[in-house]
Protein backbone atom coordinates (compact mmCIF):
# COMPACT_ATOMS: atom_id res chain seq x y z
CA MET A 1 0.32 0.07 0.01
CA ASP A 2 0.99 3.57 -0.85
CA TYR A 3 -0.02 4.74 2.67
CA SER A 4 1.53 8.52 1.68
CA GLN A 5 -1.90 8.12 -0.71
CA ALA A 6 -4.00 7.49 2.46
CA MET A 7 -3.63 9.60 4.40
CA ASP A 8 -6.86 12.36 4.96
CA LYS A 9 -6.36 15.23 6.61
CA ARG A 10 -8.89 16.74 9.28
CA THR A 11 -8.63 20.71 10.52
CA ILE A 12 -7.80 21.71 13.71
CA ALA A 13 -7.52 24.85 15.60
CA GLY A 14 -7.00 25.97 12.07
CA ARG A 15 -3.94 23.47 11.51
CA GLU A 16 -4.00 20.37 8.89
CA VAL A 17 -3.11 17.40 10.63
CA GLY A 18 -3.40 13.37 9.77
CA ALA A 19 -7.60 12.56 9.96
CA LEU A 20 -5.79 9.76 12.15
CA GLY A 21 -4.17 10.45 15.24
CA LEU A 22 -2.04 8.22 17.46
CA GLY A 23 -2.93 7.33 21.32
CA CYS A 24 0.49 6.82 23.26
CA MET A 25 -0.65 5.69 26.55
CA GLY A 26 -0.12 1.94 25.87
CA MET A 27 3.64 2.64 25.52
CA SER A 28 4.31 3.34 28.91
CA TYR A 29 1.13 2.98 31.01
CA ALA A 30 -2.18 -0.02 31.48
CA TYR A 31 -1.56 -2.13 28.50
CA GLY A 32 1.79 -4.79 29.60
CA PRO A 33 5.07 -3.98 29.17
CA SER A 34 6.39 -2.20 26.00
CA ASP A 35 9.82 -2.43 23.73
CA LYS A 36 10.83 1.18 23.65
CA GLY A 37 13.06 0.49 20.76
CA GLU A 38 9.69 -0.47 18.78
CA CYS A 39 7.84 2.51 20.39
CA LEU A 40 10.15 4.87 19.17
CA ARG A 41 10.47 3.09 16.16
CA THR A 42 6.78 3.79 15.86
CA LEU A 43 6.07 6.86 16.21
CA GLY A 44 9.16 7.47 13.47
CA ARG A 45 7.00 5.63 11.34
CA ALA A 46 4.00 7.49 12.73
CA LEU A 47 5.33 11.08 11.03
CA GLU A 48 6.65 9.02 7.85
CA LEU A 49 2.73 8.52 7.12
CA GLY A 50 1.61 11.45 8.34
CA VAL A 51 -0.09 10.57 11.65
CA ASN A 52 1.03 13.43 13.64
CA PHE A 53 -1.88 13.94 15.85
CA TRP A 54 -0.20 12.50 18.85
CA ASP A 55 -1.65 11.98 22.47
CA THR A 56 -0.29 11.88 25.79
CA ALA A 57 -1.16 12.20 29.45
CA ASP A 58 1.44 13.19 32.36
CA VAL A 59 -0.69 9.84 34.19
CA TYR A 60 1.07 7.30 31.51
CA GLY A 61 3.84 5.84 33.39
CA ALA A 62 3.77 9.06 35.72
CA GLY A 63 5.24 11.16 33.17
CA GLU A 64 7.06 8.77 31.25
CA ASN A 65 5.08 8.55 28.13
CA GLU A 66 5.74 11.98 28.16
CA LYS A 67 9.51 11.67 28.52
CA LEU A 68 9.57 8.96 26.06
CA LEU A 69 7.12 11.50 22.91
CA SER A 70 10.34 13.78 23.82
CA GLU A 71 13.01 12.01 22.50
CA VAL A 72 11.61 12.09 18.66
CA LEU A 73 9.68 15.93 19.74
CA LYS A 74 13.82 17.21 19.87
CA ASP A 75 14.03 16.71 16.25
CA HIS A 76 10.47 16.75 14.68
CA ARG A 77 8.51 19.26 17.30
CA ALA A 78 7.13 21.19 14.52
CA GLU A 79 5.95 17.89 12.73
CA VAL A 80 3.87 17.72 15.85
CA PHE A 81 -0.22 18.31 16.64
CA LEU A 82 0.80 17.50 20.82
CA CYS A 83 -1.59 17.24 23.20
CA THR A 84 -1.49 15.97 26.77
CA LYS A 85 -3.46 15.60 29.52
CA PHE A 86 -3.13 17.08 33.95
CA GLY A 87 -5.62 15.85 36.21
CA ASN A 88 -5.81 12.32 37.31
CA VAL A 89 -3.20 12.42 40.33
CA TYR A 90 0.10 10.53 39.68
CA ASP A 91 2.04 11.72 42.30
CA ARG A 92 0.23 12.27 45.73
CA SER A 93 2.91 15.10 47.06
CA MET A 94 1.40 17.37 44.53
CA THR A 95 -1.75 17.22 45.20
CA SER A 96 -4.07 20.18 46.32
CA HIS A 97 -6.78 17.49 47.64
CA GLN A 98 -4.46 16.40 51.00
CA ASP A 99 -7.42 14.66 52.52
CA GLN A 100 -8.18 11.72 49.46
CA VAL A 101 -4.52 11.73 50.17
CA SER A 102 -5.40 11.05 53.92
CA SER A 103 -8.17 8.91 53.06
CA ASN A 104 -5.96 6.86 50.62
CA GLU A 105 -8.54 7.36 47.71
CA PRO A 106 -7.63 5.09 45.10
CA TRP A 107 -8.12 7.75 42.51
CA ILE A 108 -8.12 11.72 42.92
CA VAL A 109 -8.74 14.03 40.45
CA ASP A 110 -7.53 17.76 40.86
CA GLY A 111 -8.40 20.85 39.27
CA THR A 112 -7.46 23.48 41.09
CA PRO A 113 -5.65 26.50 39.47
CA GLU A 114 -2.50 25.52 42.00
CA TYR A 115 -2.50 22.06 40.69
CA VAL A 116 -2.87 22.78 36.17
CA ARG A 117 -0.47 25.33 36.50
CA ARG A 118 2.41 23.15 38.56
CA CYS A 119 1.10 20.61 36.12
CA CYS A 120 1.73 22.29 33.19
CA ASP A 121 5.88 23.28 33.77
CA LEU A 122 6.13 19.83 34.76
CA SER A 123 5.04 18.36 31.24
CA LEU A 124 6.53 21.35 29.44
CA GLN A 125 9.77 20.26 31.15
CA ARG A 126 9.75 16.53 30.20
CA LEU A 127 8.25 16.80 26.42
CA GLY A 128 11.36 19.18 26.40
CA THR A 129 9.38 22.20 24.50
CA ASP A 130 8.11 24.94 25.28
CA VAL A 131 4.68 25.39 23.84
CA ILE A 132 1.88 22.66 24.59
CA ASP A 133 -0.51 22.76 21.53
CA LEU A 134 -3.17 20.84 23.33
CA TYR A 135 -3.78 21.08 26.86
CA TYR A 136 -7.00 19.03 28.14
CA GLN A 137 -8.48 18.49 31.83
CA HIS A 138 -8.31 15.00 32.27
CA ARG A 139 -10.96 14.56 34.45
CA VAL A 140 -13.69 17.16 35.74
CA ASP A 141 -12.80 17.30 39.38
CA PRO A 142 -16.55 17.64 40.95
CA GLN A 143 -14.91 19.42 43.86
CA ILE A 144 -13.74 22.54 41.38
CA PRO A 145 -16.18 24.43 39.68
CA VAL A 146 -14.64 23.34 35.70
CA GLU A 147 -15.23 27.52 35.34
CA GLU A 148 -11.96 27.85 38.03
CA THR A 149 -9.85 25.06 36.35
CA VAL A 150 -10.51 26.26 32.26
CA GLY A 151 -9.62 29.74 34.17
CA ALA A 152 -6.06 29.09 35.03
CA MET A 153 -5.79 27.00 31.68
CA ALA A 154 -6.23 30.48 29.88
CA GLU A 155 -3.46 31.95 32.02
CA LEU A 156 -1.98 29.43 30.85
CA VAL A 157 -2.80 30.40 26.72
CA LYS A 158 -1.94 34.03 27.94
CA ALA A 159 1.63 33.11 29.12
CA GLY A 160 2.20 31.45 26.10
CA LYS A 161 2.64 28.21 27.01
CA VAL A 162 -0.42 26.21 25.60
CA ARG A 163 -2.01 27.33 22.37
CA ASN A 164 -5.57 25.49 23.11
CA LEU A 165 -7.42 24.44 25.56
CA GLY A 166 -9.27 20.68 26.16
CA LEU A 167 -11.82 19.13 28.60
CA SER A 168 -12.06 14.77 28.78
CA GLU A 169 -14.82 12.69 29.47
CA ALA A 170 -17.19 15.95 30.11
CA ALA A 171 -20.58 16.52 29.79
CA ALA A 172 -22.71 18.52 27.75
CA GLU A 173 -23.12 21.19 30.41
CA THR A 174 -19.72 21.01 31.48
CA ILE A 175 -18.53 21.85 28.50
CA ARG A 176 -20.51 24.34 27.83
CA ARG A 177 -19.69 26.06 30.86
CA ALA A 178 -15.66 25.80 30.15
CA HIS A 179 -16.76 27.32 27.03
CA SER A 180 -18.59 30.37 28.11
CA VAL A 181 -14.38 31.60 30.31
CA HIS A 182 -12.59 30.57 27.17
CA PRO A 183 -12.50 28.21 23.61
CA VAL A 184 -12.68 24.41 24.09
CA THR A 185 -11.07 23.44 20.80
CA ALA A 186 -11.40 19.80 21.62
CA VAL A 187 -13.30 17.22 23.51
CA GLN A 188 -12.12 13.57 23.52
CA SER A 189 -13.70 10.78 25.05
CA GLU A 190 -14.34 6.60 24.40
CA TYR A 191 -16.39 6.08 21.22
CA SER A 192 -16.07 3.35 18.87
CA LEU A 193 -18.65 1.03 18.18
CA TRP A 194 -19.12 -0.24 21.71
CA THR A 195 -19.65 3.13 23.29
CA ARG A 196 -21.96 5.39 21.84
CA ASP A 197 -23.16 7.08 25.25
CA PHE A 198 -22.19 10.37 23.69
CA GLU A 199 -24.11 9.87 20.60
CA ALA A 200 -26.98 11.98 22.45
CA SER A 201 -26.17 15.19 23.65
CA VAL A 202 -22.13 15.83 23.59
CA ILE A 203 -21.47 15.17 20.52
CA PRO A 204 -23.76 17.45 19.13
CA THR A 205 -23.54 20.06 21.86
CA CYS A 206 -19.64 19.92 20.29
CA ALA A 207 -20.89 20.44 16.45
CA GLU A 208 -22.96 23.01 17.50
CA LEU A 209 -20.31 24.86 19.17
CA GLY A 210 -17.44 23.73 16.89
CA ILE A 211 -15.46 21.73 19.06
CA THR A 212 -13.39 18.90 17.12
CA PHE A 213 -14.30 15.32 18.94
CA VAL A 214 -11.75 12.83 19.90
CA PRO A 215 -12.41 9.32 20.45
CA TYR A 216 -9.97 7.40 21.95
CA SER A 217 -9.72 3.45 21.90
CA PRO A 218 -11.93 3.98 19.11
CA LEU A 219 -11.15 0.43 18.43
CA GLY A 220 -12.51 -0.78 21.95
CA ARG A 221 -9.61 -1.06 23.33
CA GLY A 222 -8.37 -4.01 21.00
CA PHE A 223 -11.55 -6.34 21.67
CA LEU A 224 -12.81 -5.04 17.92
CA THR A 225 -10.15 -6.51 16.62
CA GLY A 226 -11.01 -9.70 17.19
CA THR A 227 -7.95 -10.33 18.68
CA ILE A 228 -8.81 -10.78 21.79
CA GLN A 229 -11.07 -14.21 22.62
CA HIS A 230 -10.59 -14.53 26.03
CA PRO A 231 -9.49 -13.00 29.65
CA ASP A 232 -6.27 -14.77 29.63
CA ASP A 233 -5.22 -13.36 26.38
CA LEU A 234 -4.58 -10.13 28.01
CA PRO A 235 -0.48 -10.03 29.25
CA GLU A 236 0.03 -9.94 33.42
CA GLY A 237 -0.33 -6.50 34.59
CA ASP A 238 -2.65 -5.08 31.21
CA TRP A 239 -5.03 -3.06 33.15
CA ARG A 240 -8.30 -4.49 30.87
CA ARG A 241 -8.25 -7.37 33.50
CA ASN A 242 -9.77 -5.39 35.51
CA ASN A 243 -12.28 -3.68 32.64
CA PRO A 244 -15.86 -5.38 33.27
CA ARG A 245 -16.28 -5.64 29.79
CA PHE A 246 -13.26 -7.97 29.51
CA PHE A 247 -15.04 -9.87 32.04
CA GLU A 248 -15.14 -13.71 30.66
CA GLU A 249 -19.24 -13.61 31.35
CA ASN A 250 -19.43 -10.21 28.94
CA MET A 251 -16.46 -11.05 26.59
CA THR A 252 -18.97 -13.91 25.31
CA ALA A 253 -22.08 -11.28 24.55
CA ASN A 254 -19.64 -8.72 23.47
CA ALA A 255 -18.16 -11.15 21.14
CA GLN A 256 -21.08 -11.01 18.77
CA LEU A 257 -19.97 -7.30 17.96
CA ALA A 258 -16.81 -8.17 16.99
CA GLN A 259 -18.02 -10.89 15.30
CA ALA A 260 -20.07 -8.57 13.17
CA VAL A 261 -17.23 -6.28 12.65
CA LYS A 262 -15.30 -9.57 11.30
CA GLU A 263 -18.07 -10.41 8.85
CA VAL A 264 -17.47 -6.59 7.06
CA ALA A 265 -14.58 -6.55 7.00
CA LYS A 266 -14.32 -9.88 4.85
CA ARG A 267 -16.57 -8.17 2.50
CA ARG A 268 -14.73 -4.89 1.93
CA GLY A 269 -11.11 -7.06 1.91
CA ALA A 270 -9.83 -5.26 4.65
CA THR A 271 -9.02 -5.75 8.84
CA ALA A 272 -11.21 -5.96 11.38
CA ALA A 273 -9.28 -3.35 13.05
CA GLN A 274 -9.81 -1.20 9.82
CA VAL A 275 -13.35 -1.59 10.02
CA ALA A 276 -14.28 -0.17 13.66
CA LEU A 277 -11.74 2.77 12.84
CA ALA A 278 -13.50 3.92 9.02
CA TRP A 279 -16.88 3.41 11.11
CA VAL A 280 -15.84 6.18 13.47
CA LEU A 281 -14.50 8.57 10.81
CA SER A 282 -17.37 8.09 8.72
CA ARG A 283 -18.86 10.05 11.71
CA GLY A 284 -18.14 13.72 10.44
CA GLU A 285 -15.18 15.49 9.30
CA LYS A 286 -14.77 17.21 12.55
CA MET A 287 -13.59 14.03 14.98
CA ILE A 288 -10.58 12.83 14.82
CA PRO A 289 -9.76 9.60 16.35
CA ILE A 290 -6.86 8.26 18.62
CA PRO A 291 -6.03 4.70 18.12
CA GLY A 292 -3.36 3.34 20.63
CA THR A 293 -0.65 1.19 18.95
CA LYS A 294 3.14 0.50 20.99
CA ARG A 295 3.98 -1.40 17.39
CA VAL A 296 4.70 -0.60 13.32
CA ARG A 297 2.64 -3.22 12.28
CA TYR A 298 -0.51 -2.27 14.05
CA LEU A 299 -0.03 1.13 12.86
CA GLU A 300 0.51 0.52 9.57
CA ASP A 301 -2.76 -1.48 9.23
CA ASN A 302 -4.63 1.24 11.18
CA VAL A 303 -3.55 3.68 8.31
CA GLY A 304 -5.55 1.63 6.32
CA ALA A 305 -8.75 2.11 7.17
CA LEU A 306 -8.34 5.86 5.54
CA ASN A 307 -8.88 3.11 2.42
CA VAL A 308 -12.60 1.76 3.37
CA ARG A 309 -15.45 2.77 2.06
CA LEU A 310 -18.33 1.52 4.53
CA THR A 311 -21.85 1.07 2.26
CA LYS A 312 -25.58 1.16 3.97
CA GLU A 313 -25.44 -2.60 4.61
CA ASP A 314 -22.27 -3.17 6.44
CA PHE A 315 -23.80 0.14 8.84
CA ASP A 316 -26.75 -1.25 9.36
CA ASP A 317 -24.95 -4.36 10.22
CA LEU A 318 -22.41 -2.94 12.83
CA ASP A 319 -25.47 -0.10 14.36
CA SER A 320 -27.14 -2.47 15.68
CA LEU A 321 -24.98 -3.98 17.90
CA GLN A 322 -24.05 -2.86 21.79
CA ALA A 323 -21.02 -4.12 23.99
CA VAL A 324 -22.50 -5.67 27.57
CA GLY A 325 -20.55 -4.45 31.13
CA GLU A 326 -19.62 -1.33 32.24
CA ARG A 327 -16.25 0.40 30.69
CA TYR A 328 -14.56 1.28 33.50
CA PRO A 329 -14.46 -0.56 36.81
CA SER A 330 -16.73 0.96 39.62
CA VAL A 331 -13.64 3.21 40.63
CA GLY A 332 -13.13 4.74 37.12
CA MET A 333 -16.65 5.42 36.61
CA LYS A 334 -17.20 7.75 39.38
CA PHE A 335 -15.16 10.37 37.98
CA LEU A 336 -16.67 10.02 34.25
CA ASN A 337 -18.87 13.67 33.73
CA GLY A 338 -21.92 13.16 33.50
């Protein structure tokens, strides 16, 4: 395949980027062990293919993912639309919510202005850059009005440390409140054939306000590729072992979804991953999905989705299915705004 011909473009904040982005989390966090050399090769290959919308966060590997990206950014910063996030506390000594530290909360979200400023400076240092293209609040802090958090983020824009602001996993009303303080450029949330919660209000709100919607986990955390048949297929230490949709009783039901994707892939002469991504890409030009991978071969396969054109028959077969199980364990569901 001539990958250079495959990369469609989409526009965000007045800048043209590849229609398909890259989620970098798995290179340092959540999905089992990684090979650093292969991760760096994947990042390099992404640039060759025009996949230049990169997504990371300070919590991914407690800063290690940002450091990994810096090794490529030092020579290619101008080519990358760089996105990172703050808010999910990875270092409890940094948080302003010391009441949660003392009560040993398993997950802490901090949206205080002082935490925003501290995290931004540390991310800039780890990334080896003087500006972040898109800075997200990773989760909305239930203790702090979003206007307060976004006000502090807007100060970072004025200071030249950040170019654009975003929210992750925010409800429609929260997005409106944030947007009234400072323009929100992007909203990132899980969206795929097995997570469609945001079609009712969040995606229409983004469309109304001119906000780009960034779907993460567009491959259903890998399940829609058809390569995961049983919980034992996941490596030790893989976060998905604790995700309810990957519990054995739910995987059996969800296998119907993966099988439907596989059947459409056969008709189109494509892979299951390409079909799942083609479905997300078809949802509109104001979406930039960010499938994650840490391997060159999967990156190249994902880019092939841009050559897949689904038919009405395909959509009919895919749209009727629904995943079984919550998309996060209970502690994670607690911090989904909305």
